[in-house]
Protein backbone atom coordinates (compact mmCIF):
# COMPACT_ATOMS: atom_id res chain seq x y z
CA UNK A 1 -22.24 -3.15 9.38
CA UNK A 2 -22.10 -5.88 6.76
CA UNK A 3 -24.31 -8.70 5.51
CA UNK A 4 -23.21 -11.22 2.88
CA UNK A 5 -25.81 -13.82 1.81
CA UNK A 6 -25.03 -17.20 0.25
CA UNK A 7 -28.37 -18.11 -1.33
CA UNK A 8 -27.07 -20.14 -4.29
CA UNK A 9 -25.13 -23.15 -3.00
CA UNK A 10 -24.93 -24.99 -6.30
CA UNK A 11 -21.24 -24.08 -6.66
CA UNK A 12 -20.17 -24.83 -3.07
CA UNK A 13 -22.35 -26.07 -0.23
CA UNK A 14 -21.27 -23.67 2.49
CA UNK A 15 -22.21 -24.66 6.05
CA UNK A 16 -23.74 -21.19 6.55
CA UNK A 17 -26.41 -19.15 4.76
CA UNK A 18 -25.10 -15.66 5.48
CA UNK A 19 -22.38 -13.73 7.25
CA UNK A 20 -23.41 -10.73 9.33
CA UNK A 21 -21.00 -8.31 10.90
CA UNK A 22 -21.47 -5.28 13.12
CA UNK A 23 -18.38 -3.88 14.78
CA UNK A 24 -16.92 -0.61 15.95
CA UNK A 25 -14.11 0.51 18.22
CA UNK A 26 -12.99 3.69 19.95
CA UNK A 27 -9.78 5.10 18.49
CA UNK A 28 -7.58 7.94 19.64
CA UNK A 29 -4.50 9.89 18.68
CA UNK A 30 -2.15 12.22 20.50
CA UNK A 31 0.41 14.36 18.72
CA UNK A 32 2.98 17.00 19.57
CA UNK A 33 5.26 19.31 17.56
CA UNK A 34 8.34 21.08 18.86
CA UNK A 35 10.26 23.69 16.86
CA UNK A 36 13.57 25.03 18.11
CA UNK A 37 15.59 27.25 15.78
CA UNK A 38 15.99 25.26 12.55
CA UNK A 39 14.95 21.94 14.11
CA UNK A 40 11.41 20.59 13.96
CA UNK A 41 10.44 17.47 15.92
CA UNK A 42 7.02 15.81 15.85
CA UNK A 43 5.57 12.70 17.44
CA UNK A 44 2.27 10.85 17.27
CA UNK A 45 0.71 8.01 19.25
CA UNK A 46 -2.50 6.52 17.87
CA UNK A 47 -4.75 3.50 17.73
CA UNK A 48 -6.99 2.22 14.97
CA UNK A 49 -8.98 -0.72 13.70
CA UNK A 50 -10.07 -2.16 10.37
CA UNK A 51 -13.32 -4.05 10.02
CA UNK A 52 -13.38 -6.81 7.38
CA UNK A 53 -14.92 -5.70 4.10
CA UNK A 54 -17.18 -7.66 1.77
CA UNK A 55 -14.20 -9.12 -0.14
CA UNK A 56 -12.68 -10.38 3.12
CA UNK A 57 -15.76 -12.25 4.35
CA UNK A 58 -17.87 -12.96 1.27
CA UNK A 59 -15.59 -13.82 -1.63
CA UNK A 60 -13.93 -16.95 -3.00
CA UNK A 61 -10.41 -16.02 -4.12
CA UNK A 62 -8.24 -18.18 -6.38
CA UNK A 63 -4.60 -17.29 -5.66
CA UNK A 64 -3.45 -19.04 -8.83
CA UNK A 65 -1.00 -21.43 -7.15
CA UNK A 66 -3.19 -24.31 -6.01
CA UNK A 67 -4.77 -22.46 -3.10
CA UNK A 68 -8.31 -21.10 -2.80
CA UNK A 69 -9.35 -18.71 -0.03
CA UNK A 70 -12.92 -19.28 1.15
CA UNK A 71 -15.19 -17.04 3.28
CA UNK A 72 -14.84 -17.23 7.06
CA UNK A 73 -17.98 -16.32 9.09
CA UNK A 74 -15.92 -15.94 12.28
CA UNK A 75 -13.60 -13.22 10.96
CA UNK A 76 -13.49 -10.07 13.10
CA UNK A 77 -11.69 -6.72 13.16
CA UNK A 78 -7.96 -6.20 13.42
CA UNK A 79 -6.53 -3.49 15.67
CA UNK A 80 -3.41 -1.36 15.45
CA UNK A 81 -1.36 0.61 17.97
CA UNK A 82 1.01 3.06 16.34
CA UNK A 83 3.93 5.30 17.17
CA UNK A 84 5.62 7.84 14.90
CA UNK A 85 8.58 10.17 15.37
CA UNK A 86 9.81 12.66 12.79
CA UNK A 87 12.65 15.19 12.61
CA UNK A 88 13.21 17.99 10.07
CA UNK A 89 16.21 20.30 9.82
CA UNK A 90 16.28 23.53 7.82
CA UNK A 91 19.70 24.42 6.42
CA UNK A 92 18.59 27.53 4.55
CA UNK A 93 18.28 26.53 0.89
CA UNK A 94 18.38 22.86 1.92
CA UNK A 95 15.77 20.96 3.96
CA UNK A 96 16.07 17.34 5.09
CA UNK A 97 14.07 15.13 7.37
CA UNK A 98 13.08 11.62 8.34
CA UNK A 99 10.10 9.92 9.94
CA UNK A 100 10.17 6.53 11.63
CA UNK A 101 7.07 4.58 12.58
CA UNK A 102 6.03 1.33 14.21
CA UNK A 103 2.61 -0.35 14.16
CA UNK A 104 1.60 -3.33 16.26
CA UNK A 105 -1.31 -5.29 14.78
CA UNK A 106 -3.47 -7.46 17.02
CA UNK A 107 -5.95 -10.00 15.67
CA UNK A 108 -4.28 -9.34 12.31
CA UNK A 109 -6.28 -10.59 9.30
CA UNK A 110 -4.03 -13.11 7.51
CA UNK A 111 -4.51 -16.17 5.29
CA UNK A 112 -4.35 -19.44 7.22
CA UNK A 113 -5.08 -23.12 6.59
CA UNK A 114 -8.79 -23.84 6.77
CA UNK A 115 -11.48 -26.39 6.00
CA UNK A 116 -14.68 -26.53 3.99
CA UNK A 117 -17.21 -29.07 5.24
CA UNK A 118 -14.43 -30.87 7.10
CA UNK A 119 -12.08 -31.06 4.10
CA UNK A 120 -8.74 -29.26 3.80
CA UNK A 121 -8.74 -29.61 -0.04
CA UNK A 122 -11.54 -29.26 -2.59
CA UNK A 123 -12.04 -29.72 -6.32
CA UNK A 124 -11.74 -26.25 -7.88
CA UNK A 125 -11.81 -25.61 -11.64
CA UNK A 126 -11.12 -29.28 -12.31
CA UNK A 127 -8.14 -29.57 -9.95
CA UNK A 128 -7.64 -30.19 -6.25
CA UNK A 129 -6.87 -26.98 -4.35
CA UNK A 130 -5.83 -26.37 -0.75
CA UNK A 131 -8.42 -24.61 1.41
CA UNK A 132 -7.43 -21.43 3.21
CA UNK A 133 -9.40 -18.61 4.79
CA UNK A 134 -8.73 -15.17 6.22
CA UNK A 135 -8.42 -15.51 9.97
CA UNK A 136 -7.52 -13.35 12.96
CA UNK A 137 -3.98 -14.60 13.49
CA UNK A 138 -2.36 -13.28 16.63
CA UNK A 139 0.04 -10.38 16.27
CA UNK A 140 2.09 -8.76 13.53
CA UNK A 141 4.10 -5.58 13.18
CA UNK A 142 5.07 -3.07 10.52
CA UNK A 143 8.03 -0.73 10.96
CA UNK A 144 9.29 1.77 8.45
CA UNK A 145 11.29 4.87 7.64
CA UNK A 146 10.51 7.78 5.31
CA UNK A 147 13.32 10.13 4.22
CA UNK A 148 12.85 13.37 2.31
CA UNK A 149 15.09 16.21 1.16
CA UNK A 150 14.62 19.40 -0.84
CA UNK A 151 17.25 21.77 -2.23
CA UNK A 152 16.67 25.21 -3.75
CA UNK A 153 19.31 25.27 -6.49
CA UNK A 154 18.42 28.70 -7.90
CA UNK A 155 15.57 31.15 -7.49
CA UNK A 156 13.45 29.13 -9.93
CA UNK A 157 14.98 25.63 -9.74
CA UNK A 158 14.26 23.12 -6.96
CA UNK A 159 15.24 19.47 -6.54
CA UNK A 160 13.58 17.05 -4.14
CA UNK A 161 13.57 13.37 -3.32
CA UNK A 162 11.50 11.05 -1.14
CA UNK A 163 12.29 7.47 -0.10
CA UNK A 164 10.20 5.00 1.88
CA UNK A 165 11.16 1.60 3.22
CA UNK A 166 9.34 -0.77 5.56
CA UNK A 167 9.44 -4.23 7.06
CA UNK A 168 6.59 -6.30 8.43
CA UNK A 169 6.31 -9.69 10.08
CA UNK A 170 3.64 -12.05 11.29
CA UNK A 171 5.11 -12.85 14.71
CA UNK A 172 2.88 -15.88 15.29
CA UNK A 173 4.11 -17.85 12.27
CA UNK A 174 7.40 -15.92 11.93
CA UNK A 175 6.71 -15.04 8.29
CA UNK A 176 7.10 -11.73 6.43
CA UNK A 177 3.95 -9.72 5.75
CA UNK A 178 3.41 -9.91 2.00
CA UNK A 179 1.49 -6.59 1.60
CA UNK A 180 4.44 -4.51 2.86
CA UNK A 181 6.01 -2.92 -0.26
CA UNK A 182 9.74 -2.82 -1.00
CA UNK A 183 11.75 0.40 -1.06
CA UNK A 184 10.09 3.02 -3.29
CA UNK A 185 10.45 6.73 -3.94
CA UNK A 186 10.41 9.71 -6.26
CA UNK A 187 13.02 12.27 -7.29
CA UNK A 188 12.00 15.54 -8.96
CA UNK A 189 13.50 18.66 -10.50
CA UNK A 190 11.05 21.59 -10.72
CA UNK A 191 11.38 24.88 -12.56
CA UNK A 192 8.98 27.57 -11.34
CA UNK A 193 8.46 30.70 -13.44
CA UNK A 194 5.94 33.48 -12.92
CA UNK A 195 3.09 32.01 -14.97
CA UNK A 196 4.26 28.48 -15.69
CA UNK A 197 6.07 25.59 -14.08
CA UNK A 198 7.70 22.42 -15.35
CA UNK A 199 8.81 19.24 -13.61
CA UNK A 200 10.79 16.18 -14.61
CA UNK A 201 10.63 13.32 -12.15
CA UNK A 202 11.46 9.65 -11.75
CA UNK A 203 9.46 7.12 -9.75
CA UNK A 204 11.11 3.88 -8.69
CA UNK A 205 10.48 0.65 -6.82
CA UNK A 206 13.10 -1.83 -5.59
CA UNK A 207 13.07 -5.63 -5.90
CA UNK A 208 10.93 -7.71 -3.54
CA UNK A 209 12.81 -10.96 -3.09
CA UNK A 210 10.98 -14.27 -2.97
CA UNK A 211 12.19 -14.86 0.60
CA UNK A 212 10.28 -11.74 1.68
CA UNK A 213 6.96 -13.07 0.38
CA UNK A 214 5.17 -16.05 1.97
CA UNK A 215 4.39 -17.64 -1.39
CA UNK A 216 4.11 -21.05 0.23
CA UNK A 217 1.28 -19.64 2.34
CA UNK A 218 -0.84 -19.18 -0.75
CA UNK A 219 -1.21 -15.42 -0.43
CA UNK A 220 0.45 -14.50 -3.71
CA UNK A 221 1.73 -15.83 -6.99
CA UNK A 222 5.21 -14.38 -7.55
CA UNK A 223 5.70 -12.45 -10.77
CA UNK A 224 8.98 -14.29 -11.39
CA UNK A 225 10.92 -17.16 -9.81
CA UNK A 226 13.14 -14.57 -8.10
CA UNK A 227 10.38 -12.35 -6.73
CA UNK A 228 8.86 -9.06 -7.89
CA UNK A 229 11.09 -7.09 -10.30
CA UNK A 230 12.24 -3.55 -9.65
CA UNK A 231 11.22 -0.72 -12.00
CA UNK A 232 11.59 2.99 -12.61
CA UNK A 233 9.78 5.47 -14.82
CA UNK A 234 10.71 8.85 -16.28
CA UNK A 235 7.94 11.47 -16.38
CA UNK A 236 7.42 15.17 -17.15
CA UNK A 237 4.68 17.52 -16.08
CA UNK A 238 3.91 21.18 -16.69
CA UNK A 239 1.27 23.79 -16.01
CA UNK A 240 0.64 27.25 -17.42
CA UNK A 241 -1.74 30.00 -16.37
CA UNK A 242 -3.84 30.60 -19.51
CA UNK A 243 -5.80 33.48 -18.01
CA UNK A 244 -6.43 34.55 -14.44
CA UNK A 245 -8.03 31.68 -12.44
CA UNK A 246 -7.62 29.20 -15.34
CA UNK A 247 -4.68 26.80 -15.57
CA UNK A 248 -3.72 24.23 -18.21
CA UNK A 249 -1.96 21.13 -16.87
CA UNK A 250 -0.27 18.48 -19.02
CA UNK A 251 1.89 15.47 -18.21
CA UNK A 252 3.68 12.72 -20.12
CA UNK A 253 4.09 9.62 -17.96
CA UNK A 254 6.29 6.55 -18.41
CA UNK A 255 8.20 8.17 -21.26
CA UNK A 256 10.34 5.06 -21.83
CA UNK A 257 7.18 2.92 -22.13
CA UNK A 258 8.35 0.44 -19.50
CA UNK A 259 6.17 -2.58 -18.76
CA UNK A 260 5.89 -2.87 -14.97
CA UNK A 261 3.45 -3.65 -12.18
CA UNK A 262 3.09 -1.56 -9.01
CA UNK A 263 3.73 -3.87 -6.09
CA UNK A 264 0.64 -5.69 -4.85
CA UNK A 265 -1.67 -4.55 -7.64
CA UNK A 266 -1.43 -7.66 -9.83
CA UNK A 267 -2.21 -5.41 -12.83
CA UNK A 268 0.26 -3.88 -15.27
CA UNK A 269 0.61 -0.11 -15.06
CA UNK A 270 -0.14 2.13 -18.08
CA UNK A 271 2.52 2.43 -20.74
CA UNK A 272 3.49 5.79 -22.20
CA UNK A 273 0.48 8.07 -21.70
CA UNK A 274 -0.37 11.74 -22.10
CA UNK A 275 -2.76 13.60 -19.77
CA UNK A 276 -4.23 17.07 -20.28
CA UNK A 277 -6.54 18.89 -17.89
CA UNK A 278 -7.93 22.32 -17.10
CA UNK A 279 -8.09 23.62 -13.55
CA UNK A 280 -10.23 26.60 -12.57
CA UNK A 281 -10.17 28.55 -9.31
CA UNK A 282 -13.34 30.44 -8.48
């Protein structure tokens, strides 16, 4: 349930005083797991929905490239129908697996051309800007693959890696879905002793090319003329049991002090930083 009131119209004279929203939907999931010898197979079918939040229906958003997204009182929920299939294989000291998934979105919430008081452009911050709004725009899909592997190198030493890649497309306008991230993952080497453990790991994110982002649709301002740059960080983490039930945890992140932005955040990530914490088990 949501109510967004527009009492002060001195900035923009909206043709409505408030947006009210009350929506729900039944959702369901069905899963199965089959294990035969060293093979493990799992599958899931599910449905879901996402109701618009207050940012979606009650906020003016300047995209920074001559487009302004205005509230839409007619926006409604988007629905998803999902399938997932995963396979794991145990090779003794080595474990590998993959999971593929596909999601069909109906009434997908996407930015589309709109109007404000019959005009498709308005004066915003001293300049003319194109009017867009979030609308329920037909169908879209997201498909992806997750791959993971773990190897026990010695009794104390373990290496692991995880990779995720996905593709999404708005099938109505035949455009890529901007929120879908590029390839990303993490690779770790962990040493586990009796009372302490240490880990060195790298996180990484591939390029997102400009052709894969509907910049012309006004949904994003690209970080560079070629798209969103790739990045990787080197990190270490360790924990030690100080006394029984009390553990000291410390980590040093982004050791190389790289300046980067996680995809879709629009905010630079922390530089080199040190974190210390205590964890107690009662």
